[in-house]
Protein backbone atom coordinates (compact mmCIF):
# COMPACT_ATOMS: atom_id res chain seq x y z
CA MET A 1 14.44 51.51 0.68
CA THR A 2 14.86 54.77 -1.19
CA THR A 3 13.08 55.72 -4.38
CA THR A 4 16.34 55.25 -6.29
CA ASP A 5 16.85 51.79 -4.77
CA TYR A 6 13.30 50.81 -5.68
CA ALA A 7 13.70 52.06 -9.28
CA THR A 8 16.98 50.11 -9.58
CA TYR A 9 15.26 47.00 -8.20
CA ILE A 10 12.35 47.32 -10.66
CA ALA A 11 14.77 47.85 -13.56
CA SER A 12 16.59 44.63 -12.61
CA LEU A 13 13.45 42.44 -12.80
CA PRO A 14 12.81 40.13 -15.77
CA ARG A 15 10.64 41.47 -18.59
CA VAL A 16 7.54 39.85 -20.06
CA LEU A 17 5.63 41.03 -23.13
CA ALA A 18 1.82 40.92 -23.01
CA GLY A 19 -0.76 40.73 -25.77
CA ALA A 20 -4.52 40.37 -25.97
CA ALA A 21 -6.89 39.30 -28.73
CA ALA A 22 -10.56 38.64 -29.41
CA LEU A 23 -12.05 35.43 -30.80
CA PHE A 24 -14.93 36.37 -33.12
CA ARG A 25 -17.10 33.82 -34.88
CA ASP A 26 -19.91 33.71 -37.40
CA ALA A 27 -23.17 31.76 -37.06
CA GLU A 28 -21.49 28.72 -38.64
CA GLY A 29 -18.70 28.71 -36.02
CA ARG A 30 -15.98 29.96 -38.33
CA VAL A 31 -13.28 32.14 -36.74
CA LEU A 32 -12.41 35.65 -37.93
CA LEU A 33 -8.72 35.89 -38.80
CA VAL A 34 -6.75 38.90 -40.00
CA GLU A 35 -3.69 38.94 -42.25
CA PRO A 36 -0.93 41.24 -40.95
CA ASN A 37 1.36 42.98 -43.43
CA TYR A 38 4.37 42.93 -41.05
CA ARG A 39 4.83 39.15 -40.68
CA GLU A 40 3.91 35.83 -42.25
CA GLY A 41 0.71 34.03 -41.31
CA TRP A 42 -2.65 35.09 -39.97
CA ALA A 43 -3.80 36.16 -36.49
CA LEU A 44 -6.76 37.06 -34.34
CA PRO A 45 -7.61 40.77 -34.08
CA GLY A 46 -5.53 42.00 -31.16
CA GLY A 47 -2.13 43.25 -30.16
CA THR A 48 0.13 44.59 -27.45
CA ILE A 49 -1.22 45.55 -24.05
CA GLU A 50 -0.17 49.13 -23.30
CA SER A 51 0.64 48.23 -19.69
CA ASP A 52 2.83 51.30 -19.19
CA GLU A 53 -0.36 53.32 -19.80
CA GLY A 54 -2.31 51.26 -17.25
CA GLU A 55 -4.23 49.30 -19.89
CA THR A 56 -5.65 45.92 -18.87
CA PRO A 57 -5.70 42.84 -21.14
CA ARG A 58 -9.46 43.21 -21.72
CA GLN A 59 -9.12 46.91 -22.57
CA ALA A 60 -6.26 46.14 -24.96
CA ALA A 61 -8.22 43.45 -26.81
CA ARG A 62 -11.16 45.81 -27.26
CA ARG A 63 -8.95 48.76 -28.31
CA GLU A 64 -6.92 46.67 -30.74
CA THR A 65 -10.09 45.20 -32.25
CA ALA A 66 -11.55 48.66 -32.78
CA GLU A 67 -8.29 49.87 -34.33
CA GLU A 68 -7.68 46.83 -36.54
CA ILE A 69 -11.14 45.94 -37.84
CA GLY A 70 -13.23 48.99 -36.95
CA LEU A 71 -15.59 47.15 -34.58
CA ASP A 72 -15.91 48.29 -30.98
CA VAL A 73 -17.46 45.22 -29.36
CA GLU A 74 -17.88 44.55 -25.66
CA LEU A 75 -15.93 41.36 -25.07
CA GLY A 76 -17.12 38.31 -23.19
CA ARG A 77 -15.22 36.05 -20.85
CA LEU A 78 -11.55 35.22 -20.83
CA LEU A 79 -11.01 32.02 -22.84
CA ALA A 80 -7.27 31.38 -22.64
CA VAL A 81 -4.01 32.59 -21.13
CA ASP A 82 -0.85 31.35 -22.85
CA TRP A 83 2.80 31.63 -21.73
CA VAL A 84 4.91 31.71 -24.88
CA PRO A 85 8.72 31.67 -24.69
CA GLY A 86 10.42 33.06 -27.76
CA PRO A 87 13.85 33.21 -29.29
CA GLY A 88 15.22 36.72 -29.49
CA ARG A 89 12.52 38.29 -27.33
CA PRO A 90 11.20 38.10 -23.77
CA PRO A 91 8.41 35.60 -23.09
CA LEU A 92 4.88 36.62 -24.06
CA THR A 93 1.73 36.27 -22.00
CA ALA A 94 -1.19 36.12 -24.44
CA TYR A 95 -4.83 36.59 -23.44
CA VAL A 96 -7.79 35.54 -25.62
CA PHE A 97 -11.27 36.93 -24.94
CA ASP A 98 -14.60 35.81 -26.35
CA GLY A 99 -15.74 38.30 -28.97
CA GLY A 100 -18.94 36.36 -29.58
CA VAL A 101 -20.85 35.62 -32.75
CA LEU A 102 -20.94 38.61 -35.09
CA SER A 103 -23.95 39.46 -37.23
CA ALA A 104 -23.90 39.85 -41.00
CA GLU A 105 -24.16 43.62 -40.46
CA GLN A 106 -21.09 43.61 -38.22
CA PHE A 107 -19.07 41.63 -40.78
CA ALA A 108 -20.18 44.11 -43.47
CA ALA A 109 -18.97 46.98 -41.25
CA ILE A 110 -15.41 45.65 -40.90
CA ARG A 111 -12.85 48.25 -41.95
CA LEU A 112 -9.25 47.08 -41.89
CA GLN A 113 -6.43 49.17 -40.46
CA ALA A 114 -4.42 49.71 -43.65
CA GLU A 115 -1.15 50.34 -41.77
CA GLU A 116 -1.11 46.79 -40.35
CA LEU A 117 -3.58 44.51 -42.13
CA LEU A 118 -3.96 43.18 -45.66
CA SER A 119 -7.22 41.20 -45.39
CA TRP A 120 -9.56 39.17 -43.21
CA LYS A 121 -11.40 35.90 -43.62
CA LEU A 122 -13.60 33.41 -41.80
CA VAL A 123 -11.90 30.07 -41.23
CA PRO A 124 -13.49 26.79 -40.08
CA ARG A 125 -12.03 25.15 -36.96
CA ASP A 126 -10.50 22.27 -38.91
CA GLU A 127 -8.50 24.70 -41.09
CA LEU A 128 -7.19 27.04 -38.37
CA LEU A 129 -3.82 25.32 -37.95
CA ALA A 130 -3.11 25.77 -41.66
CA TYR A 131 -3.44 29.56 -41.31
CA LEU A 132 -2.04 30.28 -37.86
CA PRO A 133 1.59 29.90 -36.81
CA GLU A 134 2.31 27.74 -33.80
CA PRO A 135 1.64 28.17 -30.91
CA LEU A 136 -1.03 30.71 -31.90
CA GLY A 137 -2.95 28.04 -33.79
CA ARG A 138 -3.06 25.77 -30.77
CA ARG A 139 -4.09 28.72 -28.57
CA VAL A 140 -6.99 29.63 -30.86
CA VAL A 141 -8.19 26.02 -31.06
CA ALA A 142 -8.01 25.71 -27.24
CA ALA A 143 -9.96 28.98 -26.85
CA LEU A 144 -12.56 27.80 -29.37
CA ASP A 145 -12.87 24.50 -27.48
CA ALA A 146 -13.41 26.48 -24.23
CA VAL A 147 -16.27 28.36 -25.92
CA THR A 148 -17.84 25.14 -27.17
CA ALA A 149 -17.45 23.32 -23.85
CA GLY A 150 -18.57 26.32 -21.79
CA THR A 151 -15.62 25.82 -19.44
CA GLY A 152 -13.53 28.40 -17.69
CA ALA A 153 -10.42 29.90 -19.21
CA VAL A 154 -7.74 27.44 -20.22
CA GLU A 155 -4.15 27.76 -19.05
CA LEU A 156 -1.60 27.13 -21.78
CA GLU A 157 2.15 27.00 -22.18
CA ASN A 158 3.27 27.52 -25.76
CA GLY A 159 -0.27 26.73 -26.91
CA LEU A 160 -0.56 23.46 -24.95
CA PRO A 161 -2.00 22.55 -21.53
CA PRO A 162 0.79 22.53 -18.91
CA ARG A 163 2.24 19.14 -18.07
């Protein structure tokens, strides 16, 4: 196979988007959510994996967290991987990493990225689905449950365990 043939083959393959986020909590177990200015609803700190630049999901979650909320935190274990089909876009593979429990000093040091975020808040588990669009809400709850249970990462499809 020639280089041109290989490039043509690669160009013909299906595309998948990839994103990564961090699940941060306070001592009471509330989850840190951010409010984007470019769409409705809330989200976890995170964003697109710059895979063309060789960035890994873990690196992307840490970079996006530092950019969005001004905290450069070493992330813990992978909590969830979610396959999310979407109308009008390729499917998304979303990774959620454990950001841990932040201290009062870390919360006081949060500085929002003005270009993308309006605000942040701490939300109790039982209120998450009211703030987060589906399937993100289900993904965050599943990731939070994985933290609580101490299990391995959960596999999800559109925010739900595969059937």
